[in-house]
C-alpha cells in the first residue's frame, strides 16, 4: 500500500507542471507586439501550451509592422515544439507567408534594414504548406532539438503589402533532466519506505 501511495505521489509531482498552462496572446485583442527589436514584448512561459497570434504587413516600410517578442523559460523547463498553427491572409490576398526567426538571448541584434543571418539560431518562411509543422528544429538550428531554460527572442515580419496573420503554438515541458530528478525522488521515497 505504501509503495502505491509513493508511486502515485511521484506521478502527481511529475505531472503537476504539465497542468499549469501557458500564455494566450492575440494581437487583435491584446494589442500590438513590440516593433522594437531592442525592447521586445516579454512573456514568461510555464509548462503547457502557449499560443501567439500576430499580424504583420509592410515590414520593410516606415509605417509597416514587425513583431518582436521574447519568451523566458524557467529552470527545469524546455520548449519541445513550436507549431505553425495558422498562416493566412485574412483579406483574401495572395501573400500569406511570413518570416520567423529565433535568436538566443533577450533581444534580436540583427538589423532588418541590412539583415545578416549569422547571429540567428535559425529562421523559417512560414506559409500554408507548413501549417501543423513543428518549426522548432529549423528555428533552433544547431542549438538542439529543445530549448532549455533561458531567454529566446523572436522576430516576425512580412514585407508584402497584404496582411499576414499567423499563430505559433509553443509547448513547454519539464526538461529531460528535471523529469529524471523527479522520477528518482519518487523512486527514492518508495525505497525508503520499504
N, C-alpha and C. Protein backbone atom coordinates (compact mmCIF):
# COMPACT_ATOMS: atom_id res chain seq x y z
N UNK A 1 0.82 -1.19 0.00
CA UNK A 1 0.00 0.00 0.00
C UNK A 1 0.87 1.26 0.00
N UNK A 2 1.94 1.26 0.82
CA UNK A 2 2.81 2.42 0.87
C UNK A 2 3.52 2.63 -0.47
N UNK A 3 3.86 1.55 -1.15
CA UNK A 3 4.55 1.65 -2.43
C UNK A 3 3.63 2.31 -3.45
N UNK A 4 2.36 1.89 -3.48
CA UNK A 4 1.41 2.50 -4.42
C UNK A 4 1.20 3.98 -4.12
N UNK A 5 1.11 4.33 -2.82
CA UNK A 5 0.92 5.72 -2.45
C UNK A 5 2.11 6.57 -2.88
N UNK A 6 3.32 6.07 -2.63
CA UNK A 6 4.52 6.82 -3.01
C UNK A 6 4.62 6.94 -4.53
N UNK A 7 4.29 5.88 -5.24
CA UNK A 7 4.34 5.92 -6.70
C UNK A 7 3.30 6.89 -7.24
N UNK A 8 2.11 6.90 -6.66
CA UNK A 8 1.06 7.83 -7.10
C UNK A 8 1.48 9.28 -6.82
N UNK A 9 2.08 9.51 -5.66
CA UNK A 9 2.55 10.86 -5.32
C UNK A 9 3.64 11.30 -6.29
N UNK A 10 4.57 10.41 -6.62
CA UNK A 10 5.62 10.75 -7.58
C UNK A 10 5.02 11.08 -8.94
N UNK A 11 4.01 10.34 -9.37
CA UNK A 11 3.36 10.61 -10.66
C UNK A 11 2.67 11.97 -10.65
N UNK A 12 2.06 12.34 -9.53
CA UNK A 12 1.41 13.65 -9.42
C UNK A 12 2.45 14.76 -9.48
N UNK A 13 3.58 14.58 -8.77
CA UNK A 13 4.63 15.58 -8.76
C UNK A 13 5.19 15.76 -10.17
N UNK A 14 5.38 14.67 -10.90
CA UNK A 14 5.91 14.74 -12.27
C UNK A 14 4.89 15.38 -13.20
N UNK A 15 3.61 15.06 -13.06
CA UNK A 15 2.58 15.57 -13.97
C UNK A 15 2.11 16.97 -13.62
N UNK A 16 2.31 17.42 -12.40
CA UNK A 16 1.77 18.71 -11.97
C UNK A 16 2.20 19.87 -12.85
N UNK A 17 3.49 19.98 -13.25
CA UNK A 17 3.85 21.12 -14.08
C UNK A 17 3.12 21.13 -15.42
N UNK A 18 2.74 19.98 -15.93
CA UNK A 18 2.07 19.91 -17.22
C UNK A 18 0.68 20.51 -17.16
N UNK A 19 0.10 20.61 -15.99
CA UNK A 19 -1.27 21.11 -15.88
C UNK A 19 -1.33 22.63 -15.68
N UNK A 20 -0.17 23.30 -15.61
CA UNK A 20 -0.15 24.72 -15.29
C UNK A 20 -0.66 25.62 -16.41
N UNK A 21 -0.53 25.20 -17.65
CA UNK A 21 -1.00 26.04 -18.76
C UNK A 21 -0.02 27.15 -19.08
N UNK A 22 -0.33 27.92 -20.10
CA UNK A 22 0.61 28.93 -20.55
C UNK A 22 -0.07 30.24 -20.88
N UNK A 23 0.43 30.87 -21.91
CA UNK A 23 0.03 32.20 -22.33
C UNK A 23 -0.79 32.09 -23.61
N UNK A 24 -1.80 32.93 -23.71
CA UNK A 24 -2.50 33.07 -24.99
C UNK A 24 -2.50 34.55 -25.31
N UNK A 25 -1.82 34.92 -26.39
CA UNK A 25 -1.71 36.31 -26.78
C UNK A 25 -2.24 36.46 -28.20
N UNK A 26 -3.17 37.38 -28.38
CA UNK A 26 -3.77 37.66 -29.68
C UNK A 26 -3.66 39.16 -29.93
N UNK A 27 -2.88 39.55 -30.94
CA UNK A 27 -2.71 40.98 -31.22
C UNK A 27 -4.04 41.69 -31.47
N UNK A 28 -5.01 40.98 -32.02
CA UNK A 28 -6.30 41.58 -32.28
C UNK A 28 -7.06 41.95 -31.01
N UNK A 29 -6.71 41.30 -29.90
CA UNK A 29 -7.38 41.53 -28.61
C UNK A 29 -6.45 42.25 -27.64
N UNK A 30 -5.19 41.82 -27.60
CA UNK A 30 -4.25 42.28 -26.58
C UNK A 30 -3.36 43.45 -27.01
N UNK A 31 -3.46 43.88 -28.26
CA UNK A 31 -2.62 44.98 -28.73
C UNK A 31 -1.41 44.47 -29.49
N UNK A 32 -0.70 45.38 -30.10
CA UNK A 32 0.42 45.05 -30.96
C UNK A 32 1.63 44.58 -30.17
N UNK A 33 2.30 43.55 -30.68
CA UNK A 33 3.59 43.17 -30.13
C UNK A 33 4.58 44.28 -30.45
N UNK A 34 5.68 44.34 -29.72
CA UNK A 34 6.67 45.39 -29.91
C UNK A 34 7.21 45.39 -31.34
N UNK A 35 7.45 46.59 -31.86
CA UNK A 35 8.12 46.77 -33.15
C UNK A 35 9.60 47.08 -32.95
N UNK A 36 10.06 47.05 -31.71
CA UNK A 36 11.42 47.44 -31.35
C UNK A 36 12.23 46.20 -30.97
N UNK A 37 13.21 45.87 -31.79
CA UNK A 37 14.00 44.65 -31.53
C UNK A 37 14.81 44.74 -30.25
N UNK A 38 15.09 45.97 -29.78
CA UNK A 38 15.84 46.16 -28.54
C UNK A 38 14.93 46.20 -27.31
N UNK A 39 13.64 46.21 -27.52
CA UNK A 39 12.66 46.24 -26.43
C UNK A 39 11.47 45.36 -26.79
N UNK A 40 11.71 44.05 -26.93
CA UNK A 40 10.62 43.16 -27.33
C UNK A 40 9.58 42.98 -26.23
N UNK A 41 8.39 42.54 -26.60
CA UNK A 41 7.37 42.15 -25.63
C UNK A 41 7.86 40.86 -24.98
N UNK A 42 7.81 40.78 -23.66
CA UNK A 42 8.37 39.63 -22.94
C UNK A 42 7.26 38.79 -22.32
N UNK A 43 7.39 37.47 -22.47
CA UNK A 43 6.45 36.52 -21.89
C UNK A 43 7.22 35.46 -21.11
N UNK A 44 6.77 35.19 -19.89
CA UNK A 44 7.31 34.08 -19.10
C UNK A 44 6.42 32.88 -19.34
N UNK A 45 6.97 31.83 -19.93
CA UNK A 45 6.17 30.65 -20.26
C UNK A 45 6.34 29.57 -19.21
N UNK A 46 5.22 29.09 -18.70
CA UNK A 46 5.21 27.95 -17.80
C UNK A 46 4.97 26.69 -18.61
N UNK A 47 4.93 25.57 -17.93
CA UNK A 47 4.70 24.29 -18.60
C UNK A 47 3.30 24.28 -19.21
N UNK A 48 3.20 23.68 -20.37
CA UNK A 48 1.94 23.59 -21.08
C UNK A 48 2.00 24.33 -22.40
N UNK A 49 0.84 24.56 -22.98
CA UNK A 49 0.77 25.20 -24.27
C UNK A 49 0.62 26.71 -24.16
N UNK A 50 1.26 27.43 -25.07
CA UNK A 50 1.12 28.88 -25.20
C UNK A 50 0.96 29.20 -26.67
N UNK A 51 0.06 30.12 -26.98
CA UNK A 51 -0.20 30.49 -28.37
C UNK A 51 -0.04 31.99 -28.57
N UNK A 52 0.52 32.35 -29.71
CA UNK A 52 0.72 33.74 -30.08
C UNK A 52 0.13 33.95 -31.47
N UNK A 53 -0.86 34.85 -31.56
CA UNK A 53 -1.47 35.19 -32.84
C UNK A 53 -1.04 36.61 -33.17
N UNK A 54 -0.46 36.78 -34.36
CA UNK A 54 0.05 38.10 -34.73
C UNK A 54 -0.25 38.40 -36.19
N UNK A 55 -0.30 39.71 -36.48
CA UNK A 55 -0.50 40.21 -37.83
C UNK A 55 0.73 41.02 -38.22
N UNK A 56 1.25 40.78 -39.42
CA UNK A 56 2.38 41.55 -39.92
C UNK A 56 2.11 41.97 -41.35
N UNK A 57 2.61 43.17 -41.71
CA UNK A 57 2.40 43.71 -43.05
C UNK A 57 3.43 44.80 -43.31
N UNK A 58 3.85 44.92 -44.56
CA UNK A 58 4.75 46.01 -44.98
C UNK A 58 5.92 46.22 -44.03
N UNK A 59 6.53 45.14 -43.57
CA UNK A 59 7.58 45.24 -42.55
C UNK A 59 8.80 46.03 -43.01
N UNK A 60 8.99 46.16 -44.30
CA UNK A 60 10.14 46.91 -44.80
C UNK A 60 9.83 48.38 -45.06
N UNK A 61 8.64 48.82 -44.70
CA UNK A 61 8.22 50.21 -44.90
C UNK A 61 8.19 50.94 -43.55
N UNK A 62 8.38 52.27 -43.57
CA UNK A 62 8.36 53.02 -42.29
C UNK A 62 7.07 52.82 -41.49
N UNK A 63 5.94 52.70 -42.16
CA UNK A 63 4.66 52.52 -41.45
C UNK A 63 4.33 51.04 -41.24
N UNK A 64 5.23 50.17 -41.68
CA UNK A 64 4.97 48.73 -41.61
C UNK A 64 5.06 48.17 -40.21
N UNK A 65 4.75 46.90 -40.10
CA UNK A 65 4.68 46.22 -38.81
C UNK A 65 5.66 45.07 -38.75
N UNK A 66 6.56 45.11 -37.80
CA UNK A 66 7.42 43.99 -37.43
C UNK A 66 6.99 43.58 -36.03
N UNK A 67 7.14 42.33 -35.69
CA UNK A 67 6.82 41.88 -34.34
C UNK A 67 8.05 41.25 -33.70
N UNK A 68 8.36 41.72 -32.49
CA UNK A 68 9.46 41.17 -31.70
C UNK A 68 8.92 40.77 -30.34
N UNK A 69 9.21 39.52 -29.95
CA UNK A 69 8.84 39.10 -28.60
C UNK A 69 9.88 38.13 -28.08
N UNK A 70 10.02 38.11 -26.77
CA UNK A 70 10.97 37.22 -26.11
C UNK A 70 10.21 36.32 -25.16
N UNK A 71 10.54 35.04 -25.19
CA UNK A 71 9.97 34.11 -24.23
C UNK A 71 11.06 33.72 -23.24
N UNK A 72 10.67 33.68 -21.98
CA UNK A 72 11.57 33.30 -20.90
C UNK A 72 11.12 31.94 -20.39
N UNK A 73 12.04 31.00 -20.40
CA UNK A 73 11.78 29.63 -19.94
C UNK A 73 12.53 29.42 -18.63
N UNK A 74 11.79 29.08 -17.59
CA UNK A 74 12.37 28.92 -16.26
C UNK A 74 13.17 27.64 -16.10
N UNK A 75 13.87 27.55 -14.98
CA UNK A 75 14.67 26.37 -14.65
C UNK A 75 13.81 25.12 -14.65
N UNK A 76 14.35 24.05 -15.17
CA UNK A 76 13.66 22.76 -15.18
C UNK A 76 12.64 22.61 -16.28
N UNK A 77 12.54 23.60 -17.19
CA UNK A 77 11.57 23.54 -18.28
C UNK A 77 12.29 23.64 -19.63
N UNK A 78 11.60 23.23 -20.68
CA UNK A 78 12.15 23.32 -22.03
C UNK A 78 11.02 23.42 -23.05
N UNK A 79 11.26 24.17 -24.12
CA UNK A 79 10.33 24.19 -25.25
C UNK A 79 10.65 22.95 -26.08
N UNK A 80 9.65 22.09 -26.29
CA UNK A 80 9.91 20.90 -27.11
C UNK A 80 9.29 20.99 -28.50
N UNK A 81 8.43 22.01 -28.73
CA UNK A 81 7.91 22.21 -30.08
C UNK A 81 7.35 23.62 -30.23
N UNK A 82 7.42 24.12 -31.45
CA UNK A 82 6.75 25.35 -31.86
C UNK A 82 6.06 25.01 -33.17
N UNK A 83 4.76 24.93 -33.12
CA UNK A 83 3.98 24.52 -34.29
C UNK A 83 3.40 25.77 -34.96
N UNK A 84 3.59 25.84 -36.27
CA UNK A 84 2.93 26.89 -37.06
C UNK A 84 1.50 26.43 -37.24
N UNK A 85 0.59 27.00 -36.45
CA UNK A 85 -0.81 26.55 -36.46
C UNK A 85 -1.64 27.25 -37.52
N UNK A 86 -1.28 28.49 -37.88
CA UNK A 86 -2.01 29.24 -38.91
C UNK A 86 -1.03 30.14 -39.64
N UNK A 87 -1.28 30.34 -40.92
CA UNK A 87 -0.57 31.33 -41.72
C UNK A 87 -1.46 31.62 -42.90
N UNK A 88 -2.11 32.78 -42.89
CA UNK A 88 -3.05 33.08 -43.96
C UNK A 88 -3.23 34.57 -44.12
N UNK A 89 -3.88 34.96 -45.20
CA UNK A 89 -4.18 36.35 -45.48
C UNK A 89 -5.66 36.57 -45.24
N UNK A 90 -6.02 37.24 -44.13
CA UNK A 90 -7.44 37.38 -43.80
C UNK A 90 -8.22 38.22 -44.83
N UNK A 91 -7.52 39.02 -45.63
CA UNK A 91 -8.20 39.84 -46.63
C UNK A 91 -8.37 39.13 -47.96
N UNK A 92 -7.91 37.89 -48.04
CA UNK A 92 -8.06 37.12 -49.27
C UNK A 92 -6.98 37.42 -50.31
N UNK A 93 -5.96 38.17 -49.94
CA UNK A 93 -4.87 38.47 -50.88
C UNK A 93 -4.01 37.25 -51.14
N UNK A 94 -3.07 37.43 -52.05
CA UNK A 94 -2.23 36.30 -52.47
C UNK A 94 -1.10 36.00 -51.50
N UNK A 95 -0.67 36.97 -50.72
CA UNK A 95 0.54 36.83 -49.93
C UNK A 95 0.20 36.35 -48.52
N UNK A 96 0.51 35.10 -48.23
CA UNK A 96 0.14 34.54 -46.93
C UNK A 96 1.34 33.88 -46.25
N UNK A 97 2.51 34.44 -46.43
CA UNK A 97 3.72 33.91 -45.80
C UNK A 97 4.32 34.97 -44.89
N UNK A 98 5.16 34.54 -43.97
CA UNK A 98 5.84 35.45 -43.06
C UNK A 98 7.21 34.87 -42.71
N UNK A 99 8.14 35.75 -42.41
CA UNK A 99 9.48 35.39 -41.97
C UNK A 99 9.46 35.28 -40.45
N UNK A 100 9.97 34.16 -39.92
CA UNK A 100 10.00 33.93 -38.48
C UNK A 100 11.44 33.55 -38.13
N UNK A 101 12.05 34.28 -37.20
CA UNK A 101 13.44 34.00 -36.83
C UNK A 101 13.58 33.90 -35.32
N UNK A 102 14.61 33.18 -34.89
CA UNK A 102 14.92 33.00 -33.47
C UNK A 102 16.36 33.39 -33.23
N UNK A 103 16.58 34.18 -32.18
CA UNK A 103 17.92 34.49 -31.71
C UNK A 103 18.00 34.15 -30.24
N UNK A 104 19.06 33.47 -29.84
CA UNK A 104 19.25 33.12 -28.44
C UNK A 104 19.60 34.40 -27.68
N UNK A 105 18.86 34.65 -26.61
CA UNK A 105 19.08 35.85 -25.81
C UNK A 105 17.84 36.70 -25.74
N UNK A 106 17.91 37.83 -25.04
CA UNK A 106 16.72 38.64 -24.78
C UNK A 106 16.29 39.56 -25.92
N UNK A 107 17.18 39.82 -26.91
CA UNK A 107 16.84 40.74 -28.00
C UNK A 107 17.29 40.16 -29.33
N UNK A 108 16.80 40.78 -30.40
CA UNK A 108 17.27 40.46 -31.75
C UNK A 108 18.28 41.54 -32.13
N UNK A 109 19.50 41.12 -32.41
CA UNK A 109 20.55 42.09 -32.74
C UNK A 109 20.63 42.36 -34.24
N UNK A 110 19.95 41.57 -35.04
CA UNK A 110 20.00 41.72 -36.50
C UNK A 110 19.15 42.91 -36.93
N UNK A 111 19.75 43.78 -37.72
CA UNK A 111 19.04 44.95 -38.26
C UNK A 111 18.24 44.51 -39.48
N UNK A 112 16.91 44.64 -39.45
CA UNK A 112 16.12 44.20 -40.61
C UNK A 112 16.39 45.01 -41.88
N UNK A 113 16.95 46.22 -41.73
CA UNK A 113 17.26 47.04 -42.90
C UNK A 113 18.48 46.51 -43.65
N UNK A 114 19.37 45.82 -42.97
CA UNK A 114 20.53 45.18 -43.61
C UNK A 114 20.79 43.85 -42.91
N UNK A 115 19.92 42.87 -43.16
CA UNK A 115 19.97 41.63 -42.40
C UNK A 115 21.23 40.80 -42.64
N UNK A 116 21.76 40.31 -41.54
CA UNK A 116 22.87 39.37 -41.54
C UNK A 116 22.40 38.19 -40.69
N UNK A 117 22.13 37.03 -41.29
CA UNK A 117 21.56 35.93 -40.51
C UNK A 117 22.51 35.25 -39.54
N UNK A 118 23.79 35.62 -39.54
CA UNK A 118 24.77 34.92 -38.70
C UNK A 118 24.40 34.86 -37.21
N UNK A 119 23.89 35.95 -36.59
CA UNK A 119 23.56 35.86 -35.16
C UNK A 119 22.31 35.02 -34.85
N UNK A 120 21.52 34.71 -35.86
CA UNK A 120 20.29 33.96 -35.63
C UNK A 120 20.59 32.48 -35.42
N UNK A 121 19.80 31.86 -34.55
CA UNK A 121 19.89 30.40 -34.43
C UNK A 121 19.32 29.75 -35.67
N UNK A 122 18.26 30.36 -36.22
CA UNK A 122 17.63 29.85 -37.43
C UNK A 122 16.43 30.70 -37.79
N UNK A 123 15.89 30.42 -38.97
CA UNK A 123 14.69 31.12 -39.43
C UNK A 123 13.92 30.21 -40.37
N UNK A 124 12.66 30.57 -40.57
CA UNK A 124 11.78 29.81 -41.46
C UNK A 124 10.84 30.80 -42.14
N UNK A 125 10.46 30.47 -43.35
CA UNK A 125 9.43 31.23 -44.04
C UNK A 125 8.13 30.47 -43.80
N UNK A 126 7.31 31.01 -42.89
CA UNK A 126 6.04 30.37 -42.54
C UNK A 126 5.04 30.55 -43.67
N UNK A 127 4.46 29.47 -44.11
CA UNK A 127 3.49 29.50 -45.20
C UNK A 127 2.44 28.42 -44.98
N UNK A 128 1.33 28.47 -45.73
CA UNK A 128 0.28 27.48 -45.52
C UNK A 128 0.74 26.03 -45.67
N UNK A 129 1.76 25.76 -46.48
CA UNK A 129 2.21 24.37 -46.62
C UNK A 129 2.93 23.87 -45.36
N UNK A 130 3.26 24.77 -44.42
CA UNK A 130 3.89 24.35 -43.16
C UNK A 130 2.91 24.29 -41.99
N UNK A 131 1.65 24.59 -42.22
CA UNK A 131 0.68 24.56 -41.13
C UNK A 131 0.63 23.16 -40.52
N UNK A 132 0.70 23.12 -39.21
CA UNK A 132 0.71 21.86 -38.47
C UNK A 132 2.10 21.29 -38.29
N UNK A 133 3.12 22.00 -38.76
CA UNK A 133 4.51 21.52 -38.69
C UNK A 133 5.22 22.11 -37.48
N UNK A 134 6.01 21.28 -36.82
CA UNK A 134 6.88 21.74 -35.75
C UNK A 134 8.08 22.43 -36.40
N UNK A 135 8.15 23.75 -36.30
CA UNK A 135 9.24 24.50 -36.93
C UNK A 135 10.42 24.71 -35.98
N UNK A 136 10.35 24.20 -34.75
CA UNK A 136 11.43 24.38 -33.79
C UNK A 136 12.77 23.84 -34.30
N UNK A 137 12.84 22.65 -34.90
CA UNK A 137 14.15 22.17 -35.37
C UNK A 137 14.83 23.13 -36.35
N UNK A 138 14.05 23.77 -37.22
CA UNK A 138 14.62 24.72 -38.17
C UNK A 138 15.00 26.02 -37.46
N UNK A 139 14.14 26.50 -36.56
CA UNK A 139 14.43 27.73 -35.84
C UNK A 139 15.63 27.58 -34.91
N UNK A 140 15.74 26.44 -34.24
CA UNK A 140 16.79 26.24 -33.24
C UNK A 140 18.14 25.92 -33.86
N UNK A 141 18.15 25.45 -35.11
CA UNK A 141 19.42 25.15 -35.77
C UNK A 141 20.26 24.18 -34.97
N UNK A 142 21.51 24.56 -34.72
CA UNK A 142 22.46 23.70 -34.00
C UNK A 142 22.29 23.75 -32.49
N UNK A 143 21.38 24.60 -32.00
CA UNK A 143 21.20 24.74 -30.55
C UNK A 143 20.70 23.43 -29.95
N UNK A 144 19.85 22.71 -30.67
CA UNK A 144 19.38 21.43 -30.18
C UNK A 144 17.92 21.18 -30.50
N UNK A 145 17.46 19.99 -30.22
CA UNK A 145 16.06 19.67 -30.53
C UNK A 145 15.07 20.35 -29.59
N UNK A 146 15.53 20.79 -28.43
CA UNK A 146 14.68 21.53 -27.50
C UNK A 146 15.42 22.79 -27.06
N UNK A 147 14.68 23.74 -26.50
CA UNK A 147 15.28 24.95 -25.94
C UNK A 147 15.05 24.93 -24.44
N UNK A 148 16.12 24.76 -23.67
CA UNK A 148 16.01 24.70 -22.21
C UNK A 148 15.81 26.06 -21.59
N UNK A 149 16.05 26.15 -20.30
CA UNK A 149 15.82 27.42 -19.59
C UNK A 149 16.67 28.52 -20.20
N UNK A 150 16.09 29.71 -20.28
CA UNK A 150 16.80 30.84 -20.85
C UNK A 150 15.85 31.80 -21.52
N UNK A 151 16.41 32.76 -22.28
CA UNK A 151 15.63 33.76 -22.99
C UNK A 151 15.82 33.55 -24.49
N UNK A 152 14.71 33.65 -25.23
CA UNK A 152 14.72 33.42 -26.67
C UNK A 152 13.93 34.52 -27.35
N UNK A 153 14.59 35.26 -28.23
CA UNK A 153 13.97 36.39 -28.92
C UNK A 153 13.48 35.95 -30.30
N UNK A 154 12.25 36.36 -30.64
CA UNK A 154 11.64 36.02 -31.92
C UNK A 154 11.39 37.29 -32.73
N UNK A 155 11.59 37.17 -34.03
CA UNK A 155 11.40 38.27 -34.98
C UNK A 155 10.47 37.75 -36.06
N UNK A 156 9.35 38.44 -36.26
CA UNK A 156 8.36 38.04 -37.27
C UNK A 156 8.09 39.25 -38.15
N UNK A 157 8.11 39.03 -39.46
CA UNK A 157 7.82 40.13 -40.37
C UNK A 157 7.21 39.60 -41.66
N UNK A 158 6.62 40.54 -42.40
CA UNK A 158 6.02 40.27 -43.72
C UNK A 158 6.28 41.52 -44.54
N UNK A 159 7.09 41.40 -45.59
CA UNK A 159 7.43 42.59 -46.38
C UNK A 159 6.43 42.88 -47.49
N UNK A 160 5.46 42.00 -47.68
CA UNK A 160 4.45 42.22 -48.72
C UNK A 160 3.41 43.23 -48.28
N UNK A 161 2.59 43.63 -49.24
CA UNK A 161 1.54 44.62 -49.00
C UNK A 161 0.25 44.02 -48.46
N UNK A 162 0.18 42.71 -48.39
CA UNK A 162 -1.01 42.03 -47.87
C UNK A 162 -0.76 41.60 -46.43
N UNK A 163 -1.73 41.84 -45.57
CA UNK A 163 -1.63 41.44 -44.17
C UNK A 163 -1.53 39.92 -44.07
N UNK A 164 -0.59 39.45 -43.27
CA UNK A 164 -0.47 38.02 -42.98
C UNK A 164 -0.73 37.82 -41.50
N UNK A 165 -1.61 36.89 -41.19
CA UNK A 165 -1.89 36.52 -39.80
C UNK A 165 -1.31 35.13 -39.58
N UNK A 166 -0.61 34.98 -38.47
CA UNK A 166 -0.09 33.65 -38.15
C UNK A 166 -0.23 33.37 -36.66
N UNK A 167 -0.24 32.09 -36.36
CA UNK A 167 -0.32 31.64 -34.97
C UNK A 167 0.79 30.62 -34.73
N UNK A 168 1.55 30.87 -33.67
CA UNK A 168 2.59 29.95 -33.25
C UNK A 168 2.16 29.32 -31.93
N UNK A 169 2.17 28.00 -31.87
CA UNK A 169 1.82 27.26 -30.65
C UNK A 169 3.09 26.67 -30.04
N UNK A 170 3.45 27.16 -28.86
CA UNK A 170 4.62 26.68 -28.13
C UNK A 170 4.18 25.59 -27.16
N UNK A 171 5.00 24.57 -27.00
CA UNK A 171 4.74 23.56 -25.98
C UNK A 171 5.95 23.51 -25.06
N UNK A 172 5.71 23.76 -23.76
CA UNK A 172 6.78 23.76 -22.76
C UNK A 172 6.55 22.57 -21.83
N UNK A 173 7.62 21.81 -21.62
CA UNK A 173 7.55 20.59 -20.82
C UNK A 173 8.67 20.60 -19.79
N UNK A 174 8.58 19.75 -18.77
CA UNK A 174 9.73 19.60 -17.88
C UNK A 174 10.94 19.14 -18.70
N UNK A 175 12.08 19.75 -18.45
CA UNK A 175 13.31 19.38 -19.17
C UNK A 175 13.64 17.93 -18.87
N UNK A 176 14.28 17.23 -19.81
CA UNK A 176 14.60 15.81 -19.58
C UNK A 176 15.32 15.56 -18.26
N UNK A 177 16.26 16.41 -17.88
CA UNK A 177 16.96 16.24 -16.60
C UNK A 177 16.03 16.42 -15.41
N UNK A 178 15.08 17.33 -15.52
CA UNK A 178 14.13 17.57 -14.43
C UNK A 178 13.23 16.36 -14.23
N UNK A 179 12.82 15.74 -15.34
CA UNK A 179 11.97 14.54 -15.24
C UNK A 179 12.74 13.42 -14.53
N UNK A 180 14.02 13.27 -14.85
CA UNK A 180 14.82 12.23 -14.22
C UNK A 180 14.96 12.47 -12.73
N UNK A 181 15.19 13.72 -12.34
CA UNK A 181 15.33 14.06 -10.92
C UNK A 181 14.03 13.76 -10.18
N UNK A 182 12.88 14.16 -10.76
CA UNK A 182 11.60 13.90 -10.11
C UNK A 182 11.33 12.40 -10.02
N UNK A 183 11.68 11.69 -11.07
CA UNK A 183 11.49 10.23 -11.05
C UNK A 183 12.35 9.57 -9.98
N UNK A 184 13.61 10.00 -9.87
CA UNK A 184 14.50 9.45 -8.85
C UNK A 184 14.01 9.79 -7.45
N UNK A 185 13.47 11.01 -7.28
CA UNK A 185 12.95 11.39 -5.97
C UNK A 185 11.78 10.49 -5.58
N UNK A 186 10.91 10.21 -6.52
CA UNK A 186 9.79 9.31 -6.25
C UNK A 186 10.26 7.90 -5.95
N UNK A 187 11.23 7.43 -6.72
CA UNK A 187 11.77 6.09 -6.52
C UNK A 187 12.46 5.99 -5.17
N UNK A 188 13.21 7.04 -4.79
CA UNK A 188 13.91 7.04 -3.51
C UNK A 188 12.89 6.99 -2.36
N UNK A 189 11.77 7.71 -2.52
CA UNK A 189 10.73 7.67 -1.49
C UNK A 189 10.15 6.29 -1.32
N UNK A 190 9.98 5.57 -2.42
CA UNK A 190 9.47 4.19 -2.37
C UNK A 190 10.48 3.31 -1.67
N UNK A 191 11.77 3.46 -2.01
CA UNK A 191 12.82 2.62 -1.43
C UNK A 191 12.93 2.85 0.08
N UNK A 192 12.81 4.09 0.52
CA UNK A 192 12.96 4.40 1.94
C UNK A 192 11.84 3.79 2.77
N UNK A 193 10.65 3.69 2.20
CA UNK A 193 9.50 3.20 2.97
C UNK A 193 9.53 1.70 3.13
N UNK A 194 10.33 1.01 2.39
CA UNK A 194 10.37 -0.46 2.50
C UNK A 194 11.01 -0.87 3.74
